Amino acid sequence: MATWIFQGNPNTFDIDGYLEQCDSSVTWLVRQHAKDIVVDDTVFLWRSEGDGELSGGVVAELQVVEPVRVQADDPALIGRENLGQ
């Protein structure tokens, strides 16, 4: 098992809002190391500082429950990646 840190920038993605609306699972875009991430790995979600009043730091600890795969965008998130711009 490995441990990973996935980063969310609040200038481009409302990570806190996304986590609030999630029930028990989180979907995250993986751009690197997709072949190395496996079920049961631990993932920490890191919110970078951004330009607002939020401080940076770990905002969630998660466990990988299915293999990395290609999938369609989540319709609930389309357009949210440009928040603050």
N, C-alpha and C. Protein backbone atom coordinates (compact mmCIF):
# COMPACT_ATOMS: atom_id res chain seq x y z
N MET A 1 0.85 -1.18 0.00
CA MET A 1 0.00 0.00 0.00
C MET A 1 0.89 1.24 0.00
N ALA A 2 0.40 2.25 -0.67
CA ALA A 2 1.12 3.52 -0.76
C ALA A 2 0.22 4.65 -0.25
N THR A 3 0.83 5.80 -0.05
CA THR A 3 0.10 6.98 0.37
C THR A 3 0.31 8.07 -0.67
N TRP A 4 -0.76 8.78 -1.01
CA TRP A 4 -0.72 9.80 -2.04
C TRP A 4 -1.30 11.10 -1.50
N ILE A 5 -0.86 12.22 -2.09
CA ILE A 5 -1.44 13.52 -1.79
C ILE A 5 -1.98 14.08 -3.09
N PHE A 6 -3.28 14.36 -3.11
CA PHE A 6 -3.93 14.99 -4.26
C PHE A 6 -4.23 16.42 -3.86
N GLN A 7 -3.88 17.36 -4.73
CA GLN A 7 -4.02 18.77 -4.39
C GLN A 7 -5.20 19.41 -5.12
N GLY A 8 -5.90 20.27 -4.40
CA GLY A 8 -6.97 21.07 -4.97
C GLY A 8 -6.66 22.54 -4.73
N ASN A 9 -6.74 23.34 -5.76
CA ASN A 9 -6.49 24.78 -5.65
C ASN A 9 -7.83 25.49 -5.58
N PRO A 10 -8.14 26.16 -4.47
CA PRO A 10 -9.44 26.81 -4.33
C PRO A 10 -9.67 27.95 -5.33
N ASN A 11 -8.62 28.41 -6.00
CA ASN A 11 -8.79 29.43 -7.05
C ASN A 11 -9.41 28.82 -8.31
N THR A 12 -9.25 27.51 -8.49
CA THR A 12 -9.77 26.88 -9.70
C THR A 12 -10.78 25.78 -9.44
N PHE A 13 -10.92 25.34 -8.16
CA PHE A 13 -11.85 24.27 -7.85
C PHE A 13 -12.32 24.42 -6.40
N ASP A 14 -13.60 24.41 -6.19
CA ASP A 14 -14.18 24.55 -4.85
C ASP A 14 -14.13 23.21 -4.13
N ILE A 15 -12.94 22.85 -3.64
CA ILE A 15 -12.74 21.56 -3.00
C ILE A 15 -13.61 21.39 -1.76
N ASP A 16 -13.77 22.45 -0.97
CA ASP A 16 -14.60 22.36 0.23
C ASP A 16 -16.07 22.14 -0.13
N GLY A 17 -16.56 22.86 -1.12
CA GLY A 17 -17.93 22.67 -1.57
C GLY A 17 -18.16 21.28 -2.14
N TYR A 18 -17.18 20.79 -2.88
CA TYR A 18 -17.28 19.45 -3.45
C TYR A 18 -17.36 18.41 -2.34
N LEU A 19 -16.48 18.51 -1.34
CA LEU A 19 -16.49 17.54 -0.25
C LEU A 19 -17.78 17.60 0.56
N GLU A 20 -18.35 18.78 0.72
CA GLU A 20 -19.61 18.91 1.45
C GLU A 20 -20.75 18.21 0.74
N GLN A 21 -20.77 18.22 -0.60
CA GLN A 21 -21.88 17.61 -1.33
C GLN A 21 -21.67 16.12 -1.60
N CYS A 22 -20.48 15.60 -1.34
CA CYS A 22 -20.22 14.17 -1.54
C CYS A 22 -20.88 13.38 -0.41
N ASP A 23 -21.40 12.23 -0.76
CA ASP A 23 -21.97 11.39 0.30
C ASP A 23 -20.85 10.56 0.93
N SER A 24 -20.45 9.50 0.32
CA SER A 24 -19.40 8.68 0.93
C SER A 24 -18.24 8.41 -0.02
N SER A 25 -18.30 8.94 -1.25
CA SER A 25 -17.21 8.70 -2.19
C SER A 25 -16.81 9.99 -2.89
N VAL A 26 -15.56 10.04 -3.29
CA VAL A 26 -14.99 11.20 -3.97
C VAL A 26 -14.36 10.70 -5.27
N THR A 27 -14.59 11.42 -6.35
CA THR A 27 -13.94 11.13 -7.62
C THR A 27 -12.91 12.21 -7.85
N TRP A 28 -11.69 11.81 -8.24
CA TRP A 28 -10.61 12.79 -8.40
C TRP A 28 -9.87 12.53 -9.69
N LEU A 29 -9.54 13.60 -10.40
CA LEU A 29 -8.75 13.49 -11.63
C LEU A 29 -7.31 13.14 -11.28
N VAL A 30 -6.81 12.08 -11.89
CA VAL A 30 -5.43 11.64 -11.66
C VAL A 30 -4.65 11.91 -12.95
N ARG A 31 -3.64 12.77 -12.85
CA ARG A 31 -2.83 13.11 -14.02
C ARG A 31 -1.47 12.44 -14.01
N GLN A 32 -1.06 11.95 -12.87
CA GLN A 32 0.24 11.29 -12.75
C GLN A 32 0.10 10.03 -11.92
N HIS A 33 0.97 9.08 -12.18
CA HIS A 33 1.06 7.85 -11.38
C HIS A 33 -0.20 7.00 -11.40
N ALA A 34 -1.03 7.14 -12.41
CA ALA A 34 -2.28 6.37 -12.47
C ALA A 34 -2.04 4.87 -12.40
N LYS A 35 -0.95 4.40 -12.99
CA LYS A 35 -0.66 2.96 -12.97
C LYS A 35 -0.16 2.48 -11.61
N ASP A 36 0.25 3.43 -10.76
CA ASP A 36 0.80 3.06 -9.46
C ASP A 36 -0.23 3.11 -8.33
N ILE A 37 -1.35 3.77 -8.56
CA ILE A 37 -2.38 3.93 -7.53
C ILE A 37 -3.27 2.69 -7.55
N VAL A 38 -3.40 2.05 -6.39
CA VAL A 38 -4.17 0.80 -6.32
C VAL A 38 -5.16 0.83 -5.17
N VAL A 39 -6.10 -0.08 -5.22
CA VAL A 39 -7.11 -0.22 -4.18
C VAL A 39 -6.41 -0.40 -2.82
N ASP A 40 -6.96 0.25 -1.82
CA ASP A 40 -6.49 0.26 -0.43
C ASP A 40 -5.37 1.27 -0.17
N ASP A 41 -4.86 1.95 -1.20
CA ASP A 41 -3.91 3.04 -0.96
C ASP A 41 -4.62 4.15 -0.19
N THR A 42 -3.87 4.91 0.59
CA THR A 42 -4.39 6.05 1.32
C THR A 42 -4.15 7.31 0.49
N VAL A 43 -5.14 8.20 0.48
CA VAL A 43 -5.03 9.48 -0.22
C VAL A 43 -5.39 10.60 0.74
N PHE A 44 -4.53 11.60 0.80
CA PHE A 44 -4.83 12.82 1.53
C PHE A 44 -5.17 13.89 0.51
N LEU A 45 -6.29 14.58 0.69
CA LEU A 45 -6.64 15.72 -0.17
C LEU A 45 -6.08 16.97 0.48
N TRP A 46 -5.28 17.68 -0.28
CA TRP A 46 -4.61 18.88 0.20
C TRP A 46 -5.24 20.09 -0.50
N ARG A 47 -5.69 21.06 0.27
CA ARG A 47 -6.19 22.31 -0.29
C ARG A 47 -5.05 23.31 -0.22
N SER A 48 -4.64 23.82 -1.39
CA SER A 48 -3.60 24.85 -1.38
C SER A 48 -4.21 26.15 -0.87
N GLU A 49 -3.37 27.13 -0.55
CA GLU A 49 -3.86 28.38 0.05
C GLU A 49 -4.78 29.16 -0.87
N GLY A 50 -4.44 29.33 -2.11
CA GLY A 50 -5.25 30.14 -3.00
C GLY A 50 -5.17 31.61 -2.65
N ASP A 51 -6.05 32.40 -3.23
CA ASP A 51 -6.05 33.85 -3.02
C ASP A 51 -7.02 34.31 -1.94
N GLY A 52 -7.85 33.43 -1.45
CA GLY A 52 -8.88 33.83 -0.49
C GLY A 52 -8.43 33.72 0.95
N GLU A 53 -9.41 33.56 1.82
CA GLU A 53 -9.14 33.51 3.25
C GLU A 53 -8.85 32.11 3.76
N LEU A 54 -8.97 31.10 2.92
CA LEU A 54 -8.74 29.73 3.35
C LEU A 54 -7.25 29.43 3.47
N SER A 55 -6.87 28.73 4.52
CA SER A 55 -5.48 28.32 4.65
C SER A 55 -5.31 26.96 3.99
N GLY A 56 -4.07 26.68 3.61
CA GLY A 56 -3.78 25.41 2.99
C GLY A 56 -3.64 24.31 4.02
N GLY A 57 -3.84 23.08 3.59
CA GLY A 57 -3.66 21.94 4.48
C GLY A 57 -4.48 20.76 4.03
N VAL A 58 -4.34 19.66 4.74
CA VAL A 58 -5.09 18.45 4.45
C VAL A 58 -6.54 18.66 4.86
N VAL A 59 -7.47 18.37 3.95
CA VAL A 59 -8.89 18.54 4.23
C VAL A 59 -9.65 17.22 4.26
N ALA A 60 -8.99 16.13 3.85
CA ALA A 60 -9.65 14.83 3.89
C ALA A 60 -8.62 13.71 3.80
N GLU A 61 -8.92 12.62 4.46
CA GLU A 61 -8.14 11.39 4.32
C GLU A 61 -9.08 10.35 3.73
N LEU A 62 -8.65 9.72 2.65
CA LEU A 62 -9.51 8.80 1.91
C LEU A 62 -8.78 7.50 1.64
N GLN A 63 -9.53 6.52 1.20
CA GLN A 63 -8.96 5.24 0.80
C GLN A 63 -9.42 4.94 -0.62
N VAL A 64 -8.49 4.50 -1.47
CA VAL A 64 -8.83 4.12 -2.84
C VAL A 64 -9.67 2.84 -2.78
N VAL A 65 -10.85 2.89 -3.40
CA VAL A 65 -11.76 1.74 -3.34
C VAL A 65 -11.98 1.07 -4.69
N GLU A 66 -11.44 1.67 -5.74
CA GLU A 66 -11.51 1.02 -7.06
C GLU A 66 -10.33 1.48 -7.89
N PRO A 67 -9.94 0.67 -8.88
CA PRO A 67 -8.78 1.04 -9.70
C PRO A 67 -9.02 2.34 -10.47
N VAL A 68 -7.92 3.03 -10.76
CA VAL A 68 -8.00 4.24 -11.59
C VAL A 68 -8.53 3.83 -12.95
N ARG A 69 -9.45 4.63 -13.48
CA ARG A 69 -10.04 4.32 -14.80
C ARG A 69 -10.44 5.59 -15.51
N VAL A 70 -10.61 5.48 -16.80
CA VAL A 70 -11.11 6.59 -17.60
C VAL A 70 -12.62 6.61 -17.45
N GLN A 71 -13.18 7.79 -17.19
CA GLN A 71 -14.63 7.91 -17.09
C GLN A 71 -15.07 9.29 -17.54
N ALA A 72 -16.34 9.43 -17.79
CA ALA A 72 -16.90 10.72 -18.20
C ALA A 72 -16.85 11.70 -17.04
N ASP A 73 -16.83 12.99 -17.35
CA ASP A 73 -16.86 14.03 -16.33
C ASP A 73 -18.15 13.93 -15.53
N ASP A 74 -18.07 14.28 -14.26
CA ASP A 74 -19.24 14.33 -13.39
C ASP A 74 -20.03 15.58 -13.76
N PRO A 75 -21.28 15.44 -14.23
CA PRO A 75 -22.06 16.61 -14.64
C PRO A 75 -22.22 17.65 -13.53
N ALA A 76 -22.21 17.23 -12.28
CA ALA A 76 -22.35 18.17 -11.17
C ALA A 76 -21.13 19.07 -11.02
N LEU A 77 -20.01 18.67 -11.60
CA LEU A 77 -18.77 19.44 -11.45
C LEU A 77 -18.44 20.29 -12.66
N ILE A 78 -19.07 20.06 -13.77
CA ILE A 78 -18.74 20.81 -14.98
C ILE A 78 -18.94 22.30 -14.73
N GLY A 79 -17.90 23.08 -15.00
CA GLY A 79 -17.93 24.51 -14.78
C GLY A 79 -17.41 24.93 -13.43
N ARG A 80 -17.38 24.04 -12.45
CA ARG A 80 -16.91 24.38 -11.11
C ARG A 80 -15.39 24.55 -11.08
N GLU A 81 -14.68 23.96 -12.06
CA GLU A 81 -13.23 24.06 -12.06
C GLU A 81 -12.75 25.46 -12.35
N ASN A 82 -13.63 26.34 -12.79
CA ASN A 82 -13.25 27.71 -13.11
C ASN A 82 -13.75 28.72 -12.09
N LEU A 83 -14.10 28.26 -10.90
CA LEU A 83 -14.59 29.17 -9.87
C LEU A 83 -13.53 30.21 -9.54
N GLY A 84 -13.94 31.44 -9.40
CA GLY A 84 -13.03 32.50 -9.02
C GLY A 84 -12.30 33.12 -10.19
N GLN A 85 -12.58 32.67 -11.40
CA GLN A 85 -11.89 33.25 -12.57
C GLN A 85 -12.85 34.04 -13.42
